Amino acid sequence: MACSSCAADKADHTNSPAWRRALWIALAVNVLMFGAELTAGLLGGSKALQADALDFLGDAANYAISLGVAGLALAWRARTAMVKGATIFSFGLYVLLSALWAFSHGTHPQAEVMGIVGFAALVANGGVALMLYRFRTGDANMRSVWICSRNDAIGNVAVLLAALGVFGTGSALPDIIVAGIMAALGLWGGAQIIRQSSTEMRSAHSMTAPLSFRRAMK
């Protein structure tokens, strides 16, 4: 359930040294893994790896934005979370269309490349997810960061399963199925963030509205 308490508004949470340090670490990890996984996905012909690489890129941008708005008023953080939610949703839609394209064109990925790179990505994302776990119940901006890291770790496990499936069956279908699952995660996570940020934007607007206007609206 989305947190709507005033605790999410406290400056020591939204601009604390621990929060900013976690964002910097997450940003560095995602930038490095984006380059490594995109290269491997293109060379290995894996749509699941390419989808995961694009997710790394989107997350890196999200972490950078979160660093920029840390400590700002709730309204600004909610607006930023709205943009991030829309971005995550858009990536999910792209991955879904990419998986459909791969299915129609019959591409075949390299299972060995998927397995090695997928395991490295899981280690990286698992560490980031554990680091960000304590911030999961904050405002929409904090929650979006947690959702990104959680989705990445789940996606990496799915990539490893897809690699086993491709290796065992000799078919590209497991890779395409995993890409579709990752697309669903992106669409669901983006929708969650958009919904919570909308609620927080309305809350911020009601708090800043003139008292006479708020009385008139009752």
Protein backbone atom coordinates (compact mmCIF):
# COMPACT_ATOMS: atom_id res chain seq x y z
CA MET A 1 0.00 0.00 0.00
CA ALA A 2 1.24 3.48 -0.85
CA CYS A 3 2.52 5.44 2.12
CA SER A 4 0.53 8.64 2.62
CA SER A 5 1.85 9.64 6.04
CA CYS A 6 3.76 12.81 6.68
CA ALA A 7 6.86 10.78 7.56
CA ALA A 8 7.64 10.52 3.87
CA ASP A 9 7.99 14.30 3.81
CA LYS A 10 10.74 14.58 6.40
CA ALA A 11 13.93 16.12 5.03
CA ASP A 12 16.12 13.66 6.93
CA HIS A 13 14.55 10.88 4.87
CA THR A 14 14.40 12.47 1.44
CA ASN A 15 17.80 14.17 1.57
CA SER A 16 19.72 12.12 4.12
CA PRO A 17 23.38 11.21 3.48
CA ALA A 18 22.44 7.51 3.50
CA TRP A 19 19.75 8.04 0.84
CA ARG A 20 22.05 10.09 -1.42
CA ARG A 21 24.93 7.63 -0.99
CA ALA A 22 22.65 4.74 -1.94
CA LEU A 23 21.52 6.61 -5.05
CA TRP A 24 25.10 7.34 -6.15
CA ILE A 25 26.07 3.68 -5.77
CA ALA A 26 22.95 2.53 -7.61
CA LEU A 27 23.60 5.04 -10.40
CA ALA A 28 27.19 3.83 -10.93
CA VAL A 29 26.17 0.16 -10.95
CA ASN A 30 23.39 0.75 -13.47
CA VAL A 31 25.53 2.78 -15.87
CA LEU A 32 28.23 0.09 -15.89
CA MET A 33 25.77 -2.77 -16.32
CA PHE A 34 23.89 -0.97 -19.09
CA GLY A 35 27.01 -0.85 -21.25
CA ALA A 36 28.02 -4.44 -20.49
CA GLU A 37 24.58 -5.97 -20.91
CA LEU A 38 23.63 -4.07 -24.06
CA THR A 39 26.87 -5.14 -25.75
CA ALA A 40 26.35 -8.76 -24.70
CA GLY A 41 22.70 -8.69 -25.76
CA LEU A 42 23.51 -7.39 -29.21
CA LEU A 43 26.40 -9.82 -29.72
CA GLY A 44 24.47 -12.75 -28.29
CA GLY A 45 21.19 -11.96 -30.03
CA SER A 46 19.18 -12.04 -26.78
CA LYS A 47 16.09 -9.87 -26.58
CA ALA A 48 15.86 -10.52 -22.84
CA LEU A 49 19.39 -9.16 -22.30
CA GLN A 50 18.71 -6.13 -24.51
CA ALA A 51 15.50 -5.47 -22.63
CA ASP A 52 17.32 -5.73 -19.31
CA ALA A 53 20.05 -3.39 -20.59
CA LEU A 54 17.51 -0.75 -21.54
CA ASP A 55 16.02 -1.15 -18.08
CA PHE A 56 19.47 -0.47 -16.60
CA LEU A 57 19.62 2.73 -18.67
CA GLY A 58 16.18 3.84 -17.54
CA ASP A 59 17.06 3.12 -13.92
CA ALA A 60 20.31 5.08 -14.18
CA ALA A 61 18.34 8.08 -15.43
CA ASN A 62 15.82 7.61 -12.61
CA TYR A 63 18.54 7.53 -9.96
CA ALA A 64 20.13 10.67 -11.40
CA ILE A 65 16.76 12.46 -11.31
CA SER A 66 16.17 11.28 -7.74
CA LEU A 67 19.50 12.78 -6.70
CA GLY A 68 18.43 16.09 -8.23
CA VAL A 69 15.14 16.31 -6.33
CA ALA A 70 16.29 14.85 -2.99
CA GLY A 71 15.18 17.20 -0.21
CA LEU A 72 12.80 19.25 -2.39
CA ALA A 73 9.14 19.78 -1.55
CA LEU A 74 6.67 16.91 -1.91
CA ALA A 75 5.08 18.49 -5.00
CA TRP A 76 8.37 18.49 -6.91
CA ARG A 77 9.23 14.95 -5.85
CA ALA A 78 5.77 13.77 -6.88
CA ARG A 79 6.07 15.43 -10.31
CA THR A 80 9.45 13.80 -10.82
CA ALA A 81 8.06 10.42 -9.76
CA MET A 82 5.27 10.88 -12.31
CA VAL A 83 7.85 11.33 -15.08
CA LYS A 84 9.78 8.30 -13.86
CA GLY A 85 6.64 6.21 -13.71
CA ALA A 86 5.79 7.16 -17.28
CA THR A 87 9.36 6.31 -18.33
CA ILE A 88 9.21 2.86 -16.72
CA PHE A 89 5.82 2.23 -18.32
CA SER A 90 7.21 3.27 -21.72
CA PHE A 91 10.18 0.92 -21.37
CA GLY A 92 7.80 -1.89 -20.56
CA LEU A 93 5.81 -1.17 -23.70
CA TYR A 94 9.00 -1.08 -25.78
CA VAL A 95 10.16 -4.43 -24.40
CA LEU A 96 6.77 -5.98 -25.17
CA LEU A 97 6.88 -4.77 -28.78
CA SER A 98 10.50 -5.94 -29.09
CA ALA A 99 9.56 -9.42 -27.87
CA LEU A 100 6.73 -9.60 -30.39
CA TRP A 101 9.14 -8.56 -33.15
CA ALA A 102 11.62 -11.27 -32.15
CA PHE A 103 8.86 -13.88 -32.10
CA SER A 104 7.72 -12.97 -35.61
CA HIS A 105 11.29 -12.94 -37.02
CA GLY A 106 12.51 -16.16 -35.41
CA THR A 107 15.78 -14.89 -33.88
CA HIS A 108 17.94 -17.30 -31.82
CA PRO A 109 20.04 -16.07 -28.86
CA GLN A 110 23.25 -17.58 -27.42
CA ALA A 111 22.40 -19.31 -24.15
CA GLU A 112 25.97 -19.16 -22.79
CA VAL A 113 26.16 -15.38 -23.15
CA MET A 114 22.74 -14.99 -21.57
CA GLY A 115 23.76 -17.11 -18.59
CA ILE A 116 27.08 -15.43 -17.84
CA VAL A 117 25.85 -11.86 -18.24
CA GLY A 118 22.54 -12.61 -16.52
CA PHE A 119 24.36 -13.92 -13.46
CA ALA A 120 26.64 -10.86 -13.29
CA ALA A 121 23.59 -8.59 -13.57
CA LEU A 122 21.80 -10.52 -10.80
CA VAL A 123 24.73 -10.02 -8.43
CA ALA A 124 24.80 -6.29 -9.21
CA ASN A 125 21.06 -5.75 -8.93
CA GLY A 126 20.71 -7.98 -5.89
CA GLY A 127 23.20 -5.84 -4.03
CA VAL A 128 21.45 -2.62 -5.07
CA ALA A 129 18.02 -4.00 -4.11
CA LEU A 130 19.26 -4.98 -0.63
CA MET A 131 20.82 -1.55 -0.18
CA LEU A 132 17.59 0.24 -1.14
CA TYR A 133 15.21 -2.08 0.73
CA ARG A 134 14.86 0.19 3.76
CA PHE A 135 13.65 3.09 1.55
CA ARG A 136 10.79 1.11 -0.03
CA THR A 137 8.05 2.67 2.15
CA GLY A 138 8.95 6.33 1.50
CA ASP A 139 7.28 8.74 -0.89
CA ALA A 140 6.59 7.98 -4.57
CA ASN A 141 10.07 9.07 -5.54
CA MET A 142 11.73 6.67 -3.05
CA ARG A 143 9.25 3.93 -3.91
CA SER A 144 10.03 4.27 -7.61
CA VAL A 145 13.72 3.68 -6.90
CA TRP A 146 12.91 0.57 -4.87
CA ILE A 147 10.56 -0.74 -7.56
CA CYS A 148 13.28 -0.27 -10.18
CA SER A 149 15.82 -2.29 -8.19
CA ARG A 150 13.30 -4.99 -7.30
CA ASN A 151 12.16 -5.40 -10.90
CA ASP A 152 15.76 -5.61 -12.08
CA ALA A 153 16.63 -8.43 -9.67
CA ILE A 154 13.49 -10.37 -10.66
CA GLY A 155 14.28 -9.77 -14.32
CA ASN A 156 17.81 -11.12 -13.89
CA VAL A 157 16.52 -14.36 -12.36
CA ALA A 158 14.15 -14.65 -15.31
CA VAL A 159 17.04 -14.12 -17.76
CA LEU A 160 18.95 -16.99 -16.14
CA LEU A 161 15.90 -19.24 -16.44
CA ALA A 162 15.55 -18.19 -20.07
CA ALA A 163 19.20 -19.07 -20.70
CA LEU A 164 18.58 -22.54 -19.30
CA GLY A 165 15.48 -22.84 -21.44
CA VAL A 166 17.25 -21.77 -24.62
CA PHE A 167 20.14 -24.13 -23.88
CA GLY A 168 17.88 -27.07 -23.12
CA THR A 169 15.38 -26.67 -25.95
CA GLY A 170 17.43 -24.98 -28.67
CA SER A 171 14.50 -22.59 -29.11
CA ALA A 172 14.34 -18.81 -28.78
CA LEU A 173 10.90 -19.04 -27.17
CA PRO A 174 12.18 -18.93 -23.51
CA ASP A 175 14.09 -15.73 -24.29
CA ILE A 176 10.98 -14.15 -25.81
CA ILE A 177 8.76 -15.27 -22.93
CA VAL A 178 11.13 -13.71 -20.37
CA ALA A 179 11.23 -10.48 -22.36
CA GLY A 180 7.42 -10.46 -22.19
CA ILE A 181 7.47 -11.00 -18.42
CA MET A 182 9.93 -8.13 -18.00
CA ALA A 183 7.64 -5.96 -20.10
CA ALA A 184 4.73 -6.80 -17.78
CA LEU A 185 6.86 -5.89 -14.74
CA GLY A 186 7.71 -2.55 -16.31
CA LEU A 187 4.09 -1.77 -17.14
CA TRP A 188 2.90 -2.78 -13.65
CA GLY A 189 5.68 -0.93 -11.80
CA GLY A 190 5.20 2.21 -13.88
CA ALA A 191 1.47 2.18 -13.24
CA GLN A 192 2.08 1.85 -9.47
CA ILE A 193 4.38 4.86 -9.42
CA ILE A 194 2.04 6.98 -11.55
CA ARG A 195 -0.88 6.17 -9.23
CA GLN A 196 1.01 7.04 -6.02
CA SER A 197 2.58 10.20 -7.46
CA SER A 198 -0.87 11.38 -8.59
CA THR A 199 -2.13 10.96 -5.03
CA GLU A 200 0.84 12.87 -3.62
CA MET A 201 0.44 15.69 -6.16
CA ARG A 202 -3.17 16.14 -5.08
CA SER A 203 -2.10 16.07 -1.43
CA ALA A 204 0.63 18.66 -2.03
CA HIS A 205 -1.82 20.90 -3.91
CA SER A 206 -4.38 20.74 -1.11
CA MET A 207 -1.74 21.65 1.48
CA THR A 208 -0.57 24.71 -0.48
CA ALA A 209 -4.02 25.93 -1.52
CA PRO A 210 -5.35 29.07 0.26
CA LEU A 211 -7.38 28.33 3.39
CA SER A 212 -10.48 30.04 1.95
CA PHE A 213 -10.30 27.85 -1.15
CA ARG A 214 -9.96 24.69 0.93
CA ARG A 215 -13.00 25.69 3.01
CA ALA A 216 -14.99 26.36 -0.13
CA MET A 217 -14.12 22.90 -1.47
CA LYS A 218 -15.45 21.15 1.65
